[in-house]
């Protein structure tokens, strides 16, 4: 469900909006979508690398997308919504909602999933101590009962 949701929110709906929404909205959506496509093209290029290095592609692209195009899209879409608030067009409200949902999802994906959950799995199992996390709504560290050797 997580990956399907990320593809729908981050790729399919923005792609439809580029072709169906007004030009000013399509201009806001495009940079974020281009970064997602660039990430999809770049990920296979690290197939022969160590697993930790392979994680740098999604982490790097997610960080850039979060603090670059998504942040700009979210802020600019709200300003555009305020400009067209009297017209009552649902497209501008939908654009704001989608931008902010993408921003929140990307922040969770970067800080909650990629860095805290996925990255530790790729380190050397013998040299890196296992960190156990309790995943409810937020990643919270479990209290480990260390066995003394």
Protein backbone atom coordinates (compact mmCIF):
# COMPACT_ATOMS: atom_id res chain seq x y z
CA UNK A 1 0.00 0.00 0.00
CA UNK A 2 2.86 2.39 0.86
CA UNK A 3 4.51 2.18 -2.56
CA UNK A 4 1.20 2.31 -4.42
CA UNK A 5 0.23 5.41 -2.45
CA UNK A 6 3.57 7.05 -3.19
CA UNK A 7 3.22 6.35 -6.92
CA UNK A 8 -0.32 7.70 -7.06
CA UNK A 9 0.40 10.84 -5.00
CA UNK A 10 3.85 11.57 -6.36
CA UNK A 11 3.52 10.53 -10.00
CA UNK A 12 0.09 9.70 -11.41
CA UNK A 13 -2.02 12.56 -10.04
CA UNK A 14 0.66 15.21 -10.76
CA UNK A 15 1.03 13.83 -14.29
CA UNK A 16 -2.70 14.17 -14.89
CA UNK A 17 -2.62 17.67 -13.41
CA UNK A 18 0.08 18.76 -15.85
CA UNK A 19 -2.22 18.00 -18.76
CA UNK A 20 -5.63 18.77 -17.23
CA UNK A 21 -5.05 21.72 -14.88
CA UNK A 22 -4.51 25.37 -15.81
CA UNK A 23 -1.02 26.33 -16.99
CA UNK A 24 -0.09 28.08 -13.75
CA UNK A 25 -0.78 24.88 -11.77
CA UNK A 26 1.01 22.68 -14.32
CA UNK A 27 4.06 24.93 -13.98
CA UNK A 28 4.10 24.36 -10.20
CA UNK A 29 3.66 20.59 -10.45
CA UNK A 30 6.24 19.89 -13.16
CA UNK A 31 9.54 20.33 -11.21
CA UNK A 32 8.53 17.81 -8.54
CA UNK A 33 7.44 15.31 -11.18
CA UNK A 34 10.69 15.74 -13.12
CA UNK A 35 12.69 14.93 -9.95
CA UNK A 36 10.60 11.78 -9.38
CA UNK A 37 11.24 10.67 -12.97
CA UNK A 38 14.96 11.45 -12.66
CA UNK A 39 15.13 9.36 -9.49
CA UNK A 40 13.43 6.44 -11.24
CA UNK A 41 15.98 6.67 -14.06
CA UNK A 42 18.95 7.01 -11.68
CA UNK A 43 18.14 4.15 -9.31
CA UNK A 44 19.08 1.31 -11.70
CA UNK A 45 22.49 2.91 -12.27
CA UNK A 46 23.61 1.84 -8.78
CA UNK A 47 22.61 -1.82 -9.18
CA UNK A 48 26.24 -2.97 -9.00
CA UNK A 49 27.15 -0.87 -5.95
CA UNK A 50 27.14 -1.71 -2.25
CA UNK A 51 23.68 -1.60 -0.71
CA UNK A 52 24.43 1.45 1.45
CA UNK A 53 25.56 3.39 -1.63
CA UNK A 54 22.40 2.31 -3.43
CA UNK A 55 20.37 4.03 -0.71
CA UNK A 56 22.04 7.38 -1.46
CA UNK A 57 19.96 7.77 -4.64
CA UNK A 58 16.52 7.73 -2.97
CA UNK A 59 17.78 9.66 0.07
CA UNK A 60 19.47 12.33 -2.05
CA UNK A 61 16.60 12.78 -4.46
CA UNK A 62 14.04 12.78 -1.64
CA UNK A 63 15.97 15.41 0.30
CA UNK A 64 16.33 17.61 -2.78
CA UNK A 65 12.67 17.15 -3.72
CA UNK A 66 11.47 17.89 -0.18
CA UNK A 67 13.45 21.09 0.33
CA UNK A 68 13.29 22.24 -3.29
CA UNK A 69 10.39 21.66 -5.67
CA UNK A 70 7.86 20.36 -3.12
CA UNK A 71 8.40 23.22 -0.70
CA UNK A 72 8.07 25.75 -3.53
CA UNK A 73 4.98 24.01 -4.90
CA UNK A 74 3.27 23.94 -1.50
CA UNK A 75 3.93 27.61 -0.73
CA UNK A 76 3.13 28.90 -4.23
CA UNK A 77 -0.02 26.79 -4.53
CA UNK A 78 -1.42 28.36 -1.36
CA UNK A 79 -0.74 31.84 -2.73
CA UNK A 80 -2.41 30.90 -6.02
CA UNK A 81 -5.39 29.51 -4.13
CA UNK A 82 -5.78 32.78 -2.24
CA UNK A 83 -5.71 34.70 -5.54
CA UNK A 84 -8.50 32.53 -6.99
CA UNK A 85 -10.47 31.93 -3.77
CA UNK A 86 -13.38 34.09 -4.89
CA UNK A 87 -13.76 32.18 -8.18
CA UNK A 88 -14.66 28.98 -6.36
CA UNK A 89 -12.65 26.70 -8.66
CA UNK A 90 -11.97 23.33 -7.02
CA UNK A 91 -8.78 22.85 -9.05
CA UNK A 92 -6.88 25.42 -6.98
CA UNK A 93 -8.05 23.89 -3.70
CA UNK A 94 -7.11 20.41 -4.97
CA UNK A 95 -3.69 21.72 -5.98
CA UNK A 96 -3.06 23.06 -2.47
CA UNK A 97 -4.18 19.81 -0.89
CA UNK A 98 -2.09 17.66 -3.20
CA UNK A 99 0.99 19.84 -2.73
CA UNK A 100 0.81 19.70 1.06
CA UNK A 101 0.01 15.98 1.13
CA UNK A 102 3.04 15.39 -1.10
CA UNK A 103 5.19 17.54 1.18
CA UNK A 104 4.14 15.67 4.33
CA UNK A 105 4.45 12.28 2.62
CA UNK A 106 7.93 13.13 1.30
CA UNK A 107 9.04 14.27 4.76
CA UNK A 108 7.84 11.01 6.32
CA UNK A 109 9.38 9.01 3.47
CA UNK A 110 12.77 10.65 3.95
CA UNK A 111 13.01 10.88 7.73
CA UNK A 112 10.72 8.05 8.85
CA UNK A 113 11.12 5.39 6.19
CA UNK A 114 14.38 5.81 4.26
CA UNK A 115 16.71 7.00 7.03
CA UNK A 116 15.26 5.31 10.11
CA UNK A 117 13.76 2.14 8.72
CA UNK A 118 15.38 1.19 5.39
CA UNK A 119 18.96 2.44 5.73
CA UNK A 120 19.89 0.44 8.88
CA UNK A 121 18.91 -2.79 7.11
CA UNK A 122 21.62 -2.25 4.51
CA UNK A 123 24.56 -1.92 6.90
CA UNK A 124 26.80 -4.88 7.66
CA UNK A 125 24.85 -7.19 9.93
CA UNK A 126 27.94 -8.27 11.91
CA UNK A 127 29.51 -4.84 12.41
CA UNK A 128 26.39 -2.76 12.94
CA UNK A 129 24.26 -3.34 16.03
CA UNK A 130 20.59 -3.92 15.32
CA UNK A 131 18.30 -1.04 16.19
CA UNK A 132 14.82 -2.18 16.96
CA UNK A 133 12.09 0.34 16.31
CA UNK A 134 8.48 0.26 17.32
CA UNK A 135 6.51 1.48 14.31
CA UNK A 136 3.19 2.84 15.27
CA UNK A 137 2.48 6.32 13.96
CA UNK A 138 6.00 7.57 14.65
CA UNK A 139 9.24 5.58 14.75
CA UNK A 140 10.04 5.23 18.45
CA UNK A 141 13.06 3.31 19.68
CA UNK A 142 12.30 0.21 21.72
CA UNK A 143 14.13 -0.38 24.95
CA UNK A 144 16.61 -3.15 24.18
CA UNK A 145 17.31 -5.73 26.80
CA UNK A 146 21.03 -6.21 26.26
CA UNK A 147 22.44 -9.62 26.95
CA UNK A 148 25.86 -9.49 28.52
CA UNK A 149 28.33 -11.85 26.96
